[in-house]
C-alpha atoms as a PDB file:
ATOM      1  CA  MET A   1       0.000   0.000   0.000  1.00  0.00           C
ATOM      2  CA  ASN A   2       1.353   3.423  -0.903  1.00  0.00           C
ATOM      3  CA  VAL A   3       0.959   6.337   1.507  1.00  0.00           C
ATOM      4  CA  ILE A   4       2.153   9.936   1.636  1.00  0.00           C
ATOM      5  CA  LEU A   5       3.917  10.808   4.892  1.00  0.00           C
ATOM      6  CA  THR A   6       2.611  13.904   6.668  1.00  0.00           C
ATOM      7  CA  GLN A   7       5.599  13.950   9.045  1.00  0.00           C
ATOM      8  CA  ASP A   8       9.006  12.324   9.390  1.00  0.00           C
ATOM      9  CA  VAL A   9       8.797   8.667  10.387  1.00  0.00           C
ATOM     10  CA  TYR A  10      11.945   7.009  11.717  1.00  0.00           C
ATOM     11  CA  ASN A  11      13.391   4.383   9.329  1.00  0.00           C
ATOM     12  CA  LEU A  12      10.643   5.037   6.776  1.00  0.00           C
ATOM     13  CA  GLY A  13      10.884   8.476   5.210  1.00  0.00           C
ATOM     14  CA  SER A  14      10.506  12.208   5.470  1.00  0.00           C
ATOM     15  CA  LEU A  15       7.616  14.599   5.287  1.00  0.00           C
ATOM     16  CA  GLY A  16       5.906  14.489   1.868  1.00  0.00           C
ATOM     17  CA  ASP A  17       7.535  11.243   0.710  1.00  0.00           C
ATOM     18  CA  GLU A  18       5.419   8.618  -1.028  1.00  0.00           C
ATOM     19  CA  VAL A  19       6.380   5.241   0.434  1.00  0.00           C
ATOM     20  CA  ALA A  20       5.190   1.660   0.057  1.00  0.00           C
ATOM     21  CA  VAL A  21       4.276  -0.025   3.347  1.00  0.00           C
ATOM     22  CA  LYS A  22       2.337  -3.084   4.387  1.00  0.00           C
ATOM     23  CA  PRO A  23      -1.427  -2.438   4.533  1.00  0.00           C
ATOM     24  CA  GLY A  24      -1.690  -3.324   8.231  1.00  0.00           C
ATOM     25  CA  TYR A  25       1.078  -0.887   9.173  1.00  0.00           C
ATOM     26  CA  ALA A  26      -0.662   1.878   7.224  1.00  0.00           C
ATOM     27  CA  ARG A  27      -4.197   1.164   8.498  1.00  0.00           C
ATOM     28  CA  ASN A  28      -3.305   0.420  12.119  1.00  0.00           C
ATOM     29  CA  PHE A  29      -0.470   2.848  12.807  1.00  0.00           C
ATOM     30  CA  LEU A  30       0.456   5.470  10.219  1.00  0.00           C
ATOM     31  CA  ILE A  31      -2.995   6.734   9.207  1.00  0.00           C
ATOM     32  CA  PRO A  32      -4.640   6.715  12.703  1.00  0.00           C
ATOM     33  CA  GLN A  33      -1.600   8.481  14.198  1.00  0.00           C
ATOM     34  CA  GLY A  34      -1.801  11.164  11.502  1.00  0.00           C
ATOM     35  CA  LYS A  35       1.661  10.298  10.206  1.00  0.00           C
ATOM     36  CA  ALA A  36       0.445   9.442   6.691  1.00  0.00           C
ATOM     37  CA  VAL A  37      -2.483   9.711   4.295  1.00  0.00           C
ATOM     38  CA  PRO A  38      -3.453   7.237   1.566  1.00  0.00           C
ATOM     39  CA  VAL A  39      -2.340   8.014  -1.986  1.00  0.00           C
ATOM     40  CA  ASN A  40      -5.306   9.231  -4.009  1.00  0.00           C
ATOM     41  CA  ARG A  41      -5.971  12.124  -6.418  1.00  0.00           C
ATOM     42  CA  GLN A  42      -7.250  14.446  -3.726  1.00  0.00           C
ATOM     43  CA  ASN A  43      -4.286  13.843  -1.390  1.00  0.00           C
ATOM     44  CA  ILE A  44      -1.787  14.110  -4.275  1.00  0.00           C
ATOM     45  CA  LYS A  45      -3.258  17.513  -5.264  1.00  0.00           C
ATOM     46  CA  LEU A  46      -3.219  18.596  -1.632  1.00  0.00           C
ATOM     47  CA  ILE A  47       0.445  17.594  -1.262  1.00  0.00           C
ATOM     48  CA  GLU A  48       1.373  19.323  -4.545  1.00  0.00           C
ATOM     49  CA  HIS A  49      -0.185  22.563  -3.284  1.00  0.00           C
ATOM     50  CA  GLN A  50       1.628  22.248   0.005  1.00  0.00           C
ATOM     51  CA  ARG A  51       5.115  21.382  -1.361  1.00  0.00           C
ATOM     52  CA  ALA A  52       6.423  24.838  -0.509  1.00  0.00           C
ATOM     53  CA  LEU A  53       5.089  24.551   3.031  1.00  0.00           C
ATOM     54  CA  LEU A  54       6.524  21.048   3.320  1.00  0.00           C
ATOM     55  CA  ASN A  55       9.965  22.207   2.220  1.00  0.00           C
ATOM     56  CA  LYS A  56       9.791  25.042   4.744  1.00  0.00           C
ATOM     57  CA  LYS A  57       8.782  22.574   7.496  1.00  0.00           C
ATOM     58  CA  ARG A  58      11.545  20.208   6.422  1.00  0.00           C
ATOM     59  CA  GLN A  59      14.133  22.994   6.614  1.00  0.00           C
ATOM     60  CA  GLU A  60      12.834  24.008  10.058  1.00  0.00           C
ATOM     61  CA  ALA A  61      13.101  20.387  11.204  1.00  0.00           C
ATOM     62  CA  ILE A  62      16.707  20.220   9.973  1.00  0.00           C
ATOM     63  CA  ASP A  63      17.541  23.513  11.703  1.00  0.00           C
ATOM     64  CA  ASN A  64      15.943  22.291  14.943  1.00  0.00           C
ATOM     65  CA  ALA A  65      17.856  19.021  14.670  1.00  0.00           C
ATOM     66  CA  LYS A  66      21.133  20.918  14.177  1.00  0.00           C
ATOM     67  CA  ALA A  67      20.427  23.079  17.249  1.00  0.00           C
ATOM     68  CA  PHE A  68      19.551  19.952  19.237  1.00  0.00           C
ATOM     69  CA  LYS A  69      22.752  18.317  17.961  1.00  0.00           C
ATOM     70  CA  ALA A  70      24.816  21.155  19.445  1.00  0.00           C
ATOM     71  CA  LYS A  71      23.087  20.690  22.824  1.00  0.00           C
ATOM     72  CA  LEU A  72      23.645  16.923  22.768  1.00  0.00           C
ATOM     73  CA  GLU A  73      27.305  17.165  21.835  1.00  0.00           C
ATOM     74  CA  ALA A  74      27.886  19.649  24.682  1.00  0.00           C
ATOM     75  CA  LEU A  75      26.541  17.186  27.266  1.00  0.00           C
ATOM     76  CA  GLU A  76      28.835  15.163  29.481  1.00  0.00           C
ATOM     77  CA  LEU A  77      27.356  11.788  30.284  1.00  0.00           C
ATOM     78  CA  VAL A  78      28.974   9.763  33.050  1.00  0.00           C
ATOM     79  CA  PHE A  79      27.717   6.341  34.061  1.00  0.00           C
ATOM     80  CA  MET A  80      28.829   5.154  37.492  1.00  0.00           C
ATOM     81  CA  VAL A  81      28.742   1.359  37.555  1.00  0.00           C
ATOM     82  CA  LYS A  82      30.185  -1.473  39.593  1.00  0.00           C
ATOM     83  CA  ALA A  83      33.311  -2.936  38.074  1.00  0.00           C
ATOM     84  CA  GLY A  84      36.018  -5.441  38.836  1.00  0.00           C
ATOM     85  CA  GLU A  85      39.702  -4.631  39.280  1.00  0.00           C
ATOM     86  CA  SER A  86      40.429  -5.366  35.623  1.00  0.00           C
ATOM     87  CA  GLY A  87      37.913  -2.729  34.503  1.00  0.00           C
ATOM     88  CA  LYS A  88      35.262  -5.197  33.406  1.00  0.00           C
ATOM     89  CA  LEU A  89      31.718  -4.185  34.355  1.00  0.00           C
ATOM     90  CA  PHE A  90      29.217  -6.246  36.297  1.00  0.00           C
ATOM     91  CA  GLY A  91      26.467  -5.944  33.702  1.00  0.00           C
ATOM     92  CA  SER A  92      26.710  -3.416  30.880  1.00  0.00           C
ATOM     93  CA  VAL A  93      25.735   0.077  29.775  1.00  0.00           C
ATOM     94  CA  THR A  94      22.984  -0.311  27.190  1.00  0.00           C
ATOM     95  CA  GLN A  95      21.266   1.826  24.607  1.00  0.00           C
ATOM     96  CA  LYS A  96      18.205   2.112  26.865  1.00  0.00           C
ATOM     97  CA  MET A  97      20.293   3.315  29.821  1.00  0.00           C
ATOM     98  CA  ILE A  98      21.865   6.015  27.660  1.00  0.00           C
ATOM     99  CA  ALA A  99      18.480   7.160  26.331  1.00  0.00           C
ATOM    100  CA  ASP A 100      17.058   7.240  29.879  1.00  0.00           C
ATOM    101  CA  GLU A 101      20.004   9.358  31.055  1.00  0.00           C
ATOM    102  CA  LEU A 102      19.504  11.794  28.166  1.00  0.00           C
ATOM    103  CA  VAL A 103      15.818  12.127  29.082  1.00  0.00           C
ATOM    104  CA  ALA A 104      16.773  12.647  32.747  1.00  0.00           C
ATOM    105  CA  GLN A 105      19.005  15.534  31.658  1.00  0.00           C
ATOM    106  CA  GLY A 106      16.073  17.217  29.922  1.00  0.00           C
ATOM    107  CA  MET A 107      16.612  16.054  26.349  1.00  0.00           C
ATOM    108  CA  GLU A 108      13.506  14.903  24.499  1.00  0.00           C
ATOM    109  CA  ILE A 109      14.773  11.821  22.750  1.00  0.00           C
ATOM    110  CA  ASP A 110      13.425   8.435  21.749  1.00  0.00           C
ATOM    111  CA  ARG A 111      15.571   5.424  22.647  1.00  0.00           C
ATOM    112  CA  ARG A 112      15.472   4.240  19.028  1.00  0.00           C
ATOM    113  CA  MET A 113      17.409   7.361  18.026  1.00  0.00           C
ATOM    114  CA  VAL A 114      20.410   6.191  20.058  1.00  0.00           C
ATOM    115  CA  ASN A 115      22.693   3.969  17.994  1.00  0.00           C
ATOM    116  CA  LEU A 116      25.057   1.951  20.152  1.00  0.00           C
ATOM    117  CA  SER A 117      26.484  -0.964  18.188  1.00  0.00           C
ATOM    118  CA  GLN A 118      27.055  -3.163  21.262  1.00  0.00           C
ATOM    119  CA  PRO A 119      26.470  -2.772  24.997  1.00  0.00           C
ATOM    120  CA  VAL A 120      29.521  -1.342  26.776  1.00  0.00           C
ATOM    121  CA  LYS A 121      31.120  -3.884  29.120  1.00  0.00           C
ATOM    122  CA  SER A 122      34.298  -2.146  30.310  1.00  0.00           C
ATOM    123  CA  LEU A 123      35.391   1.159  31.807  1.00  0.00           C
ATOM    124  CA  GLY A 124      36.456   3.998  29.529  1.00  0.00           C
ATOM    125  CA  THR A 125      35.280   6.781  27.247  1.00  0.00           C
ATOM    126  CA  TYR A 126      33.047   5.912  24.303  1.00  0.00           C
ATOM    127  CA  LYS A 127      31.313   7.619  21.397  1.00  0.00           C
ATOM    128  CA  MET A 128      27.902   6.839  19.990  1.00  0.00           C
ATOM    129  CA  ALA A 129      25.654   8.206  17.270  1.00  0.00           C
ATOM    130  CA  VAL A 130      22.249   9.753  17.884  1.00  0.00           C
ATOM    131  CA  LYS A 131      20.175  10.063  14.716  1.00  0.00           C
ATOM    132  CA  LEU A 132      18.131  13.247  15.078  1.00  0.00           C
ATOM    133  CA  HIS A 133      17.013  13.565  11.465  1.00  0.00           C
ATOM    134  CA  SER A 134      17.660  11.665   8.270  1.00  0.00           C
ATOM    135  CA  SER A 135      20.480  14.110   7.498  1.00  0.00           C
ATOM    136  CA  VAL A 136      21.578  15.106  11.039  1.00  0.00           C
ATOM    137  CA  VAL A 137      23.506  12.732  13.296  1.00  0.00           C
ATOM    138  CA  ALA A 138      24.981  13.849  16.628  1.00  0.00           C
ATOM    139  CA  GLU A 139      28.063  12.161  18.045  1.00  0.00           C
ATOM    140  CA  VAL A 140      27.779  11.969  21.820  1.00  0.00           C
ATOM    141  CA  THR A 141      30.702  11.086  24.068  1.00  0.00           C
ATOM    142  CA  PHE A 142      30.061   9.312  27.342  1.00  0.00           C
ATOM    143  CA  LYS A 143      32.263   7.983  30.097  1.00  0.00           C
ATOM    144  CA  VAL A 144      31.841   4.759  32.037  1.00  0.00           C
ATOM    145  CA  ALA A 145      33.478   5.075  35.452  1.00  0.00           C
ATOM    146  CA  ALA A 146      33.734   2.739  38.418  1.00  0.00           C
ATOM    147  CA  ASP A 147      31.295   3.483  41.203  1.00  0.00           C
ATOM    148  CA  GLU A 148      32.848   0.755  43.291  1.00  0.00           C
ATOM    149  CA  ILE A 149      35.728  -1.524  42.421  1.00  0.00           C
ATOM    150  CA  ILE A 150      35.108  -5.023  43.663  1.00  0.00           C
ATOM    151  CA  LYS A 151      37.959  -7.477  44.035  1.00  0.00           C
ATOM    152  CA  GLU A 152      37.485 -10.338  41.627  1.00  0.00           C
ATOM    153  CA  VAL A 153      39.681 -12.812  43.511  1.00  0.00           C
ATOM    154  CA  LYS A 154      38.355 -13.704  46.944  1.00  0.00           C
ATOM    155  CA  GLU A 155      40.937 -14.272  49.620  1.00  0.00           C
ATOM    156  CA  GLU A 156      40.763 -17.687  51.193  1.00  0.00           C
ATOM    157  CA  VAL A 157      40.035 -17.734  54.871  1.00  0.00           C
ATOM    158  CA  LEU A 158      42.720 -19.741  56.598  1.00  0.00           C
ATOM    159  CA  VAL A 159      41.796 -21.335  59.887  1.00  0.00           C
ATOM    160  CA  PRO A 160      44.613 -22.512  62.171  1.00  0.00           C
ATOM    161  CA  VAL A 161      44.716 -26.283  62.628  1.00  0.00           C
ATOM    162  CA  GLU A 162      44.268 -26.009  66.384  1.00  0.00           C
ATOM    163  CA  GLN A 163      40.800 -24.464  66.014  1.00  0.00           C
ATOM    164  CA  VAL A 164      39.431 -27.149  63.742  1.00  0.00           C
ATOM    165  CA  GLU A 165      37.412 -29.722  65.641  1.00  0.00           C
ATOM    166  CA  GLU A 166      37.027 -33.097  64.076  1.00  0.00           C
ATOM    167  CA  GLU A 167      33.683 -34.771  64.372  1.00  0.00           C
ATOM    168  CA  PRO A 168      33.483 -38.561  64.411  1.00  0.00           C
ATOM    169  CA  ILE A 169      32.338 -39.954  61.125  1.00  0.00           C
ATOM    170  CA  GLU A 170      29.515 -42.438  61.329  1.00  0.00           C
ATOM    171  CA  GLU A 171      29.335 -45.035  58.653  1.00  0.00           C
ATOM    172  CA  THR A 172      25.889 -45.654  57.303  1.00  0.00           C
ATOM    173  CA  PRO A 173      25.079 -48.484  54.955  1.00  0.00           C
ATOM    174  CA  ALA A 174      24.505 -47.461  51.379  1.00  0.00           C
ATOM    175  CA  PRO A 175      20.916 -47.745  50.185  1.00  0.00           C
ATOM    176  CA  ARG A 176      20.216 -50.820  48.115  1.00  0.00           C
ATOM    177  CA  LYS A 177      19.305 -50.393  44.502  1.00  0.00           C
ATOM    178  CA  LYS A 178      16.345 -52.266  43.240  1.00  0.00           C
ATOM    179  CA  GLY A 179      16.859 -54.169  40.046  1.00  0.00           C
ATOM    180  CA  LYS A 180      14.435 -54.582  37.178  1.00  0.00           C
ATOM    181  CA  LYS A 181      11.799 -57.187  37.654  1.00  0.00           C
ATOM    182  CA  GLY A 182      11.479 -59.388  34.854  1.00  0.00           C
END
């Protein structure tokens, strides 16, 4: 089914684009949410008349994304996590955690915009991409620091021989196994 997008849709297209989607996706999500309209003569004429407005909206969206990019790149994200002595984390820093931290710092962002190739599993400084618009990608730097360093090797507790009390060992007969009846 072909639809005309009335706003930018992540991983699908931009405002005014005619795209082919599955009928269920169009009927159940795009059209009810107001993100698209079906392709027909009336809607095509309407879109043709509004091309200038669409281009203006598109340029405003790009300008807003560029301004938002500057704010994002100025942020300093620090994740305090538990780690072992070797710098390996207990758990990992995930895409969702990063998106939640950005929202906590007042940034309106969807977690799907954050592009972290793999969860971070060791201490250090990392970079990730945040896709704000189809043509605007912010590169955000974040640091993973140790909240608490936990020793990975546990020290053995040595008990002096004098303190160990030996208990008499009672021998009990082993239970008998029953064989197959046959």
